[in-house]
C-alpha atoms as a PDB file:
ATOM      1  CA  MET A   1      -5.096 -41.705  19.878  1.00  0.00           C
ATOM      2  CA  ILE A   2      -1.464 -41.135  18.938  1.00  0.00           C
ATOM      3  CA  TYR A   3      -2.492 -41.107  15.264  1.00  0.00           C
ATOM      4  CA  VAL A   4      -5.156 -38.459  15.901  1.00  0.00           C
ATOM      5  CA  VAL A   5      -2.718 -36.245  17.824  1.00  0.00           C
ATOM      6  CA  THR A   6      -0.118 -36.633  15.067  1.00  0.00           C
ATOM      7  CA  VAL A   7      -2.590 -35.697  12.329  1.00  0.00           C
ATOM      8  CA  LEU A   8      -3.831 -32.730  14.351  1.00  0.00           C
ATOM      9  CA  GLY A   9      -0.268 -31.573  14.862  1.00  0.00           C
ATOM     10  CA  LEU A  10       0.475 -31.815  11.149  1.00  0.00           C
ATOM     11  CA  VAL A  11      -2.676 -29.846  10.309  1.00  0.00           C
ATOM     12  CA  ILE A  12      -1.760 -27.099  12.773  1.00  0.00           C
ATOM     13  CA  CYS A  13       1.826 -26.915  11.508  1.00  0.00           C
ATOM     14  CA  GLY A  14       0.628 -26.901   7.902  1.00  0.00           C
ATOM     15  CA  SER A  15      -1.850 -24.098   8.596  1.00  0.00           C
ATOM     16  CA  PHE A  16       0.838 -22.072  10.362  1.00  0.00           C
ATOM     17  CA  ALA A  17       3.309 -22.516   7.489  1.00  0.00           C
ATOM     18  CA  LEU A  18       0.654 -21.656   4.881  1.00  0.00           C
ATOM     19  CA  ASN A  19      -0.305 -18.500   6.762  1.00  0.00           C
ATOM     20  CA  LEU A  20       3.311 -17.338   7.050  1.00  0.00           C
ATOM     21  CA  THR A  21       3.758 -17.932   3.325  1.00  0.00           C
ATOM     22  CA  ALA A  22       0.607 -15.951   2.495  1.00  0.00           C
ATOM     23  CA  ARG A  23       1.636 -13.069   4.762  1.00  0.00           C
ATOM     24  CA  ALA A  24       5.167 -12.991   3.338  1.00  0.00           C
ATOM     25  CA  ALA A  25       3.754 -12.479  -0.155  1.00  0.00           C
ATOM     26  CA  TYR A  26       2.666  -8.931   0.702  1.00  0.00           C
ATOM     27  CA  GLU A  27       4.729  -5.782   1.199  1.00  0.00           C
ATOM     28  CA  THR A  28       4.421  -4.698   4.832  1.00  0.00           C
ATOM     29  CA  ALA A  29       4.597  -1.125   6.085  1.00  0.00           C
ATOM     30  CA  SER A  30       8.048  -0.650   7.599  1.00  0.00           C
ATOM     31  CA  TYR A  31       8.784   0.741  11.053  1.00  0.00           C
ATOM     32  CA  ASP A  32      11.605   1.010  13.581  1.00  0.00           C
ATOM     33  CA  VAL A  33      11.259  -0.845  16.879  1.00  0.00           C
ATOM     34  CA  VAL A  34      12.175   1.483  19.739  1.00  0.00           C
ATOM     35  CA  GLU A  35      11.308  -0.880  22.597  1.00  0.00           C
ATOM     36  CA  SER A  36      10.027  -4.449  22.750  1.00  0.00           C
ATOM     37  CA  ASP A  37       8.351  -5.892  25.856  1.00  0.00           C
ATOM     38  CA  GLY A  38       6.582  -9.194  25.192  1.00  0.00           C
ATOM     39  CA  ALA A  39       3.346  -8.445  23.324  1.00  0.00           C
ATOM     40  CA  PHE A  40       4.046  -4.689  23.571  1.00  0.00           C
ATOM     41  CA  GLU A  41       6.246  -2.454  21.437  1.00  0.00           C
ATOM     42  CA  THR A  42       6.935   1.180  20.822  1.00  0.00           C
ATOM     43  CA  ARG A  43       7.523   1.858  17.134  1.00  0.00           C
ATOM     44  CA  GLU A  44       8.559   4.737  14.926  1.00  0.00           C
ATOM     45  CA  TYR A  45       6.571   4.848  11.678  1.00  0.00           C
ATOM     46  CA  PRO A  46       7.362   6.915   8.582  1.00  0.00           C
ATOM     47  CA  ASP A  47       4.620   8.771   6.717  1.00  0.00           C
ATOM     48  CA  LEU A  48       2.454   6.323   4.765  1.00  0.00           C
ATOM     49  CA  MET A  49      -0.021   6.869   1.951  1.00  0.00           C
ATOM     50  CA  LEU A  50      -3.337   5.067   2.317  1.00  0.00           C
ATOM     51  CA  ALA A  51      -6.252   4.341   0.044  1.00  0.00           C
ATOM     52  CA  SER A  52      -9.010   5.119   2.528  1.00  0.00           C
ATOM     53  CA  THR A  53     -12.779   4.818   2.853  1.00  0.00           C
ATOM     54  CA  ALA A  54     -15.427   5.276   5.525  1.00  0.00           C
ATOM     55  CA  MET A  55     -16.086   2.267   7.749  1.00  0.00           C
ATOM     56  CA  ARG A  56     -19.038   1.761  10.056  1.00  0.00           C
ATOM     57  CA  LYS A  57     -17.943   1.436  13.676  1.00  0.00           C
ATOM     58  CA  GLU A  58     -16.798  -2.108  14.544  1.00  0.00           C
ATOM     59  CA  SER A  59     -17.811  -3.482  11.136  1.00  0.00           C
ATOM     60  CA  GLN A  60     -14.287  -4.804  10.365  1.00  0.00           C
ATOM     61  CA  GLY A  61     -14.992  -4.319   6.657  1.00  0.00           C
ATOM     62  CA  ASN A  62     -18.280  -6.241   6.573  1.00  0.00           C
ATOM     63  CA  ASP A  63     -20.102  -3.035   5.597  1.00  0.00           C
ATOM     64  CA  GLY A  64     -18.505  -3.014   2.142  1.00  0.00           C
ATOM     65  CA  SER A  65     -15.519  -0.852   3.059  1.00  0.00           C
ATOM     66  CA  PHE A  66     -12.993  -3.634   2.384  1.00  0.00           C
ATOM     67  CA  MET A  67     -14.437  -4.337  -1.069  1.00  0.00           C
ATOM     68  CA  ARG A  68     -14.420  -0.640  -2.004  1.00  0.00           C
ATOM     69  CA  LEU A  69     -10.673  -0.548  -1.335  1.00  0.00           C
ATOM     70  CA  PHE A  70     -10.122  -3.907  -3.009  1.00  0.00           C
ATOM     71  CA  ARG A  71     -11.827  -2.620  -6.162  1.00  0.00           C
ATOM     72  CA  TYR A  72      -9.472   0.385  -6.130  1.00  0.00           C
ATOM     73  CA  ILE A  73      -6.325  -1.787  -6.074  1.00  0.00           C
ATOM     74  CA  SER A  74      -7.925  -4.094  -8.662  1.00  0.00           C
ATOM     75  CA  GLY A  75      -8.081  -1.246 -11.184  1.00  0.00           C
ATOM     76  CA  ALA A  76     -10.987   1.021 -10.218  1.00  0.00           C
ATOM     77  CA  ASN A  77      -8.800   4.111 -10.562  1.00  0.00           C
ATOM     78  CA  GLU A  78      -8.067   6.775 -13.168  1.00  0.00           C
ATOM     79  CA  THR A  79      -5.351   4.742 -14.920  1.00  0.00           C
ATOM     80  CA  GLU A  80      -6.980   1.319 -14.396  1.00  0.00           C
ATOM     81  CA  GLN A  81      -3.752   0.335 -12.663  1.00  0.00           C
ATOM     82  CA  LYS A  82      -3.577  -2.800 -10.540  1.00  0.00           C
ATOM     83  CA  VAL A  83      -1.980  -2.009  -7.177  1.00  0.00           C
ATOM     84  CA  ALA A  84      -0.427  -4.767  -5.090  1.00  0.00           C
ATOM     85  CA  MET A  85      -2.111  -5.684  -1.816  1.00  0.00           C
ATOM     86  CA  THR A  86      -0.083  -4.789   1.275  1.00  0.00           C
ATOM     87  CA  THR A  87      -0.239  -5.306   5.026  1.00  0.00           C
ATOM     88  CA  PRO A  88      -1.538  -4.259   7.408  1.00  0.00           C
ATOM     89  CA  VAL A  89      -5.076  -3.026   6.829  1.00  0.00           C
ATOM     90  CA  PHE A  90      -5.456  -0.055   9.196  1.00  0.00           C
ATOM     91  CA  MET A  91      -8.811   0.597  10.862  1.00  0.00           C
ATOM     92  CA  GLU A  92      -9.760   3.703  12.833  1.00  0.00           C
ATOM     93  CA  GLN A  93     -12.886   3.037  14.858  1.00  0.00           C
ATOM     94  CA  GLY A  94     -13.986   6.652  15.242  1.00  0.00           C
ATOM     95  CA  GLU A  95     -15.809   8.130  18.201  1.00  0.00           C
ATOM     96  CA  SER A  96     -19.267   6.963  19.275  1.00  0.00           C
ATOM     97  CA  GLY A  97     -21.847   7.851  16.629  1.00  0.00           C
ATOM     98  CA  THR A  98     -19.256   8.713  13.966  1.00  0.00           C
ATOM     99  CA  GLU A  99     -17.779   6.774  11.083  1.00  0.00           C
ATOM    100  CA  GLY A 100     -14.364   5.211  11.283  1.00  0.00           C
ATOM    101  CA  ARG A 101     -11.914   4.725   8.408  1.00  0.00           C
ATOM    102  CA  MET A 102     -10.321   1.714   6.774  1.00  0.00           C
ATOM    103  CA  GLY A 103      -7.073   2.113   4.863  1.00  0.00           C
ATOM    104  CA  PHE A 104      -4.870   0.021   2.572  1.00  0.00           C
ATOM    105  CA  VAL A 105      -1.198   1.032   2.540  1.00  0.00           C
ATOM    106  CA  ILE A 106      -0.073   2.055  -0.961  1.00  0.00           C
ATOM    107  CA  PRO A 107       3.187   0.257  -1.939  1.00  0.00           C
ATOM    108  CA  LYS A 108       6.341   2.393  -1.846  1.00  0.00           C
ATOM    109  CA  GLU A 109       7.019   2.032  -5.570  1.00  0.00           C
ATOM    110  CA  VAL A 110       3.493   3.127  -6.470  1.00  0.00           C
ATOM    111  CA  VAL A 111       3.775   6.166  -4.189  1.00  0.00           C
ATOM    112  CA  ALA A 112       7.122   7.084  -5.764  1.00  0.00           C
ATOM    113  CA  ASN A 113       5.615   6.924  -9.266  1.00  0.00           C
ATOM    114  CA  GLY A 114       2.375   8.665  -8.284  1.00  0.00           C
ATOM    115  CA  ALA A 115      -0.571   6.717  -6.907  1.00  0.00           C
ATOM    116  CA  PRO A 116      -3.589   6.725  -9.265  1.00  0.00           C
ATOM    117  CA  LYS A 117      -6.659   8.668  -8.223  1.00  0.00           C
ATOM    118  CA  PRO A 118      -9.591   6.448  -7.136  1.00  0.00           C
ATOM    119  CA  ALA A 119     -12.501   6.219  -9.568  1.00  0.00           C
ATOM    120  CA  ALA A 120     -15.059   5.927  -6.741  1.00  0.00           C
ATOM    121  CA  VAL A 121     -16.060   9.071  -4.866  1.00  0.00           C
ATOM    122  CA  ASP A 122     -16.158   7.176  -1.566  1.00  0.00           C
ATOM    123  CA  VAL A 123     -12.460   6.192  -1.773  1.00  0.00           C
ATOM    124  CA  ASN A 124      -9.659   8.725  -1.385  1.00  0.00           C
ATOM    125  CA  LEU A 125      -5.911   8.903  -0.970  1.00  0.00           C
ATOM    126  CA  ARG A 126      -4.606  10.364   2.266  1.00  0.00           C
ATOM    127  CA  LYS A 127      -1.389  10.579   4.237  1.00  0.00           C
ATOM    128  CA  ARG A 128      -1.063   8.683   7.511  1.00  0.00           C
ATOM    129  CA  ASP A 129       1.324  10.869   9.497  1.00  0.00           C
ATOM    130  CA  GLY A 130       4.359   9.082  10.820  1.00  0.00           C
ATOM    131  CA  GLY A 131       5.392   9.197  14.458  1.00  0.00           C
ATOM    132  CA  ARG A 132       5.822   7.084  17.548  1.00  0.00           C
ATOM    133  CA  PHE A 133       3.184   4.536  18.513  1.00  0.00           C
ATOM    134  CA  ALA A 134       2.609   2.110  21.352  1.00  0.00           C
ATOM    135  CA  VAL A 135       1.455  -1.246  19.986  1.00  0.00           C
ATOM    136  CA  ILE A 136       0.058  -4.487  21.353  1.00  0.00           C
ATOM    137  CA  ARG A 137      -0.022  -7.654  19.222  1.00  0.00           C
ATOM    138  CA  PHE A 138      -2.612 -10.391  19.728  1.00  0.00           C
ATOM    139  CA  SER A 139      -4.168 -13.324  17.877  1.00  0.00           C
ATOM    140  CA  GLY A 140      -7.803 -14.353  17.401  1.00  0.00           C
ATOM    141  CA  ARG A 141     -10.619 -12.421  15.776  1.00  0.00           C
ATOM    142  CA  MET A 142     -10.832  -8.642  16.022  1.00  0.00           C
ATOM    143  CA  ASP A 143     -14.293  -8.372  17.517  1.00  0.00           C
ATOM    144  CA  SER A 144     -15.256  -5.428  19.708  1.00  0.00           C
ATOM    145  CA  ALA A 145     -14.634  -7.303  22.968  1.00  0.00           C
ATOM    146  CA  ASP A 146     -11.121  -8.415  21.975  1.00  0.00           C
ATOM    147  CA  LEU A 147     -10.231  -4.955  20.690  1.00  0.00           C
ATOM    148  CA  LYS A 148     -11.436  -3.325  23.892  1.00  0.00           C
ATOM    149  CA  LYS A 149      -9.483  -5.783  26.050  1.00  0.00           C
ATOM    150  CA  ALA A 150      -6.323  -5.269  23.979  1.00  0.00           C
ATOM    151  CA  GLU A 151      -6.643  -1.475  24.151  1.00  0.00           C
ATOM    152  CA  GLU A 152      -7.146  -1.588  27.920  1.00  0.00           C
ATOM    153  CA  ARG A 153      -3.983  -3.689  28.312  1.00  0.00           C
ATOM    154  CA  LEU A 154      -2.063  -1.324  26.053  1.00  0.00           C
ATOM    155  CA  ARG A 155      -3.200   1.798  27.907  1.00  0.00           C
ATOM    156  CA  LYS A 156      -2.171   0.233  31.219  1.00  0.00           C
ATOM    157  CA  TRP A 157       1.259  -0.512  29.757  1.00  0.00           C
ATOM    158  CA  ILE A 158       1.506   3.072  28.489  1.00  0.00           C
ATOM    159  CA  ALA A 159       0.571   4.399  31.932  1.00  0.00           C
ATOM    160  CA  ASP A 160       3.119   2.133  33.627  1.00  0.00           C
ATOM    161  CA  LYS A 161       5.762   3.523  31.272  1.00  0.00           C
ATOM    162  CA  GLN A 162       4.628   7.075  32.124  1.00  0.00           C
ATOM    163  CA  LEU A 163       4.040   7.886  28.472  1.00  0.00           C
ATOM    164  CA  VAL A 164       1.438  10.319  27.148  1.00  0.00           C
ATOM    165  CA  ALA A 165      -0.904   8.954  24.494  1.00  0.00           C
ATOM    166  CA  ASP A 166      -3.692  10.130  22.213  1.00  0.00           C
ATOM    167  CA  ILE A 167      -7.301   9.438  23.150  1.00  0.00           C
ATOM    168  CA  GLU A 168      -7.935   7.705  19.840  1.00  0.00           C
ATOM    169  CA  SER A 169      -6.637   4.295  18.821  1.00  0.00           C
ATOM    170  CA  GLU A 170      -6.502   2.269  15.638  1.00  0.00           C
ATOM    171  CA  SER A 171      -6.283  -1.422  14.845  1.00  0.00           C
ATOM    172  CA  ALA A 172      -4.346  -3.310  12.202  1.00  0.00           C
ATOM    173  CA  GLY A 173      -4.913  -6.720  10.621  1.00  0.00           C
ATOM    174  CA  TYR A 174      -2.280  -8.653   8.687  1.00  0.00           C
ATOM    175  CA  ASP A 175      -4.050 -11.784   7.469  1.00  0.00           C
ATOM    176  CA  PRO A 176      -6.621 -12.920   4.888  1.00  0.00           C
ATOM    177  CA  PRO A 177     -10.139 -13.650   6.209  1.00  0.00           C
ATOM    178  CA  TRP A 178      -9.696 -17.436   5.993  1.00  0.00           C
ATOM    179  CA  THR A 179      -6.731 -17.481   8.408  1.00  0.00           C
ATOM    180  CA  PRO A 180      -7.536 -19.460  11.601  1.00  0.00           C
ATOM    181  CA  GLY A 181      -7.839 -17.214  14.649  1.00  0.00           C
ATOM    182  CA  MET A 182      -4.855 -18.689  16.487  1.00  0.00           C
ATOM    183  CA  PHE A 183      -2.560 -17.755  13.596  1.00  0.00           C
ATOM    184  CA  ARG A 184      -3.836 -14.240  12.991  1.00  0.00           C
ATOM    185  CA  ARG A 185      -1.665 -11.201  13.655  1.00  0.00           C
ATOM    186  CA  ASN A 186      -3.772  -8.358  15.009  1.00  0.00           C
ATOM    187  CA  GLU A 187      -2.629  -5.117  16.610  1.00  0.00           C
ATOM    188  CA  VAL A 188      -3.941  -2.081  18.427  1.00  0.00           C
ATOM    189  CA  LEU A 189      -1.887   1.089  17.960  1.00  0.00           C
ATOM    190  CA  ILE A 190      -2.005   4.326  19.958  1.00  0.00           C
ATOM    191  CA  ARG A 191      -0.033   7.395  18.939  1.00  0.00           C
ATOM    192  CA  LEU A 192       2.343   8.706  21.616  1.00  0.00           C
ATOM    193  CA  LYS A 193       2.701  12.429  22.250  1.00  0.00           C
ATOM    194  CA  ASN A 194       6.050  12.501  24.055  1.00  0.00           C
ATOM    195  CA  GLU A 195       8.249  11.307  21.202  1.00  0.00           C
ATOM    196  CA  GLN A 196      11.887  10.647  22.056  1.00  0.00           C
ATOM    197  CA  GLU A 197      14.936  10.071  19.903  1.00  0.00           C
ATOM    198  CA  SER A 198      16.103   6.466  20.156  1.00  0.00           C
ATOM    199  CA  PRO A 199      17.757   3.994  17.767  1.00  0.00           C
ATOM    200  CA  GLY A 200      15.657   1.079  16.595  1.00  0.00           C
ATOM    201  CA  ALA A 201      15.923  -2.094  14.577  1.00  0.00           C
ATOM    202  CA  LYS A 202      14.512  -1.966  11.070  1.00  0.00           C
ATOM    203  CA  VAL A 203      11.530  -4.252  10.498  1.00  0.00           C
ATOM    204  CA  GLU A 204      10.110  -5.061   7.095  1.00  0.00           C
END
């Protein structure tokens, strides 16, 4: 029994370390932390450039949207340039009956040098406006039930803080598909309307 528990513990620790290593290999969109409260944060984001494509509601990329963006960063663009993968992958669910959007963050260096135009007509480059966001972090899979529960918790936290938020929300995933659910970093983000000036700690 002790042997089994020991082996299980080693497997869990190994999986955790491997996932952290994999995540650390990617450039992550930077932001300033304005307030941290357990699983909740308010963050200040700069403008970001995204490679973006339509995503069917709640598909989480299984409708081909992820692969369309992956082909773009793999060289399906006007200069056949390979673009480094980054985190997170942003997903806007869209309103009922409408398409959402999936977006890969373009690395800072690529943006500075001019991001290549996508070769595919169903992929485009667009700016994600910066601003202040309320965020909740959670693990597990990002299915519709978990996303709904996380958004409900986040909106309650926003209400308790007497903040004013947008109706729409977006989600963000930081890990490869093979990452075990308990080690995944998922987030729901909601843009805040009553932005305030406040110092924050830089996060990479």
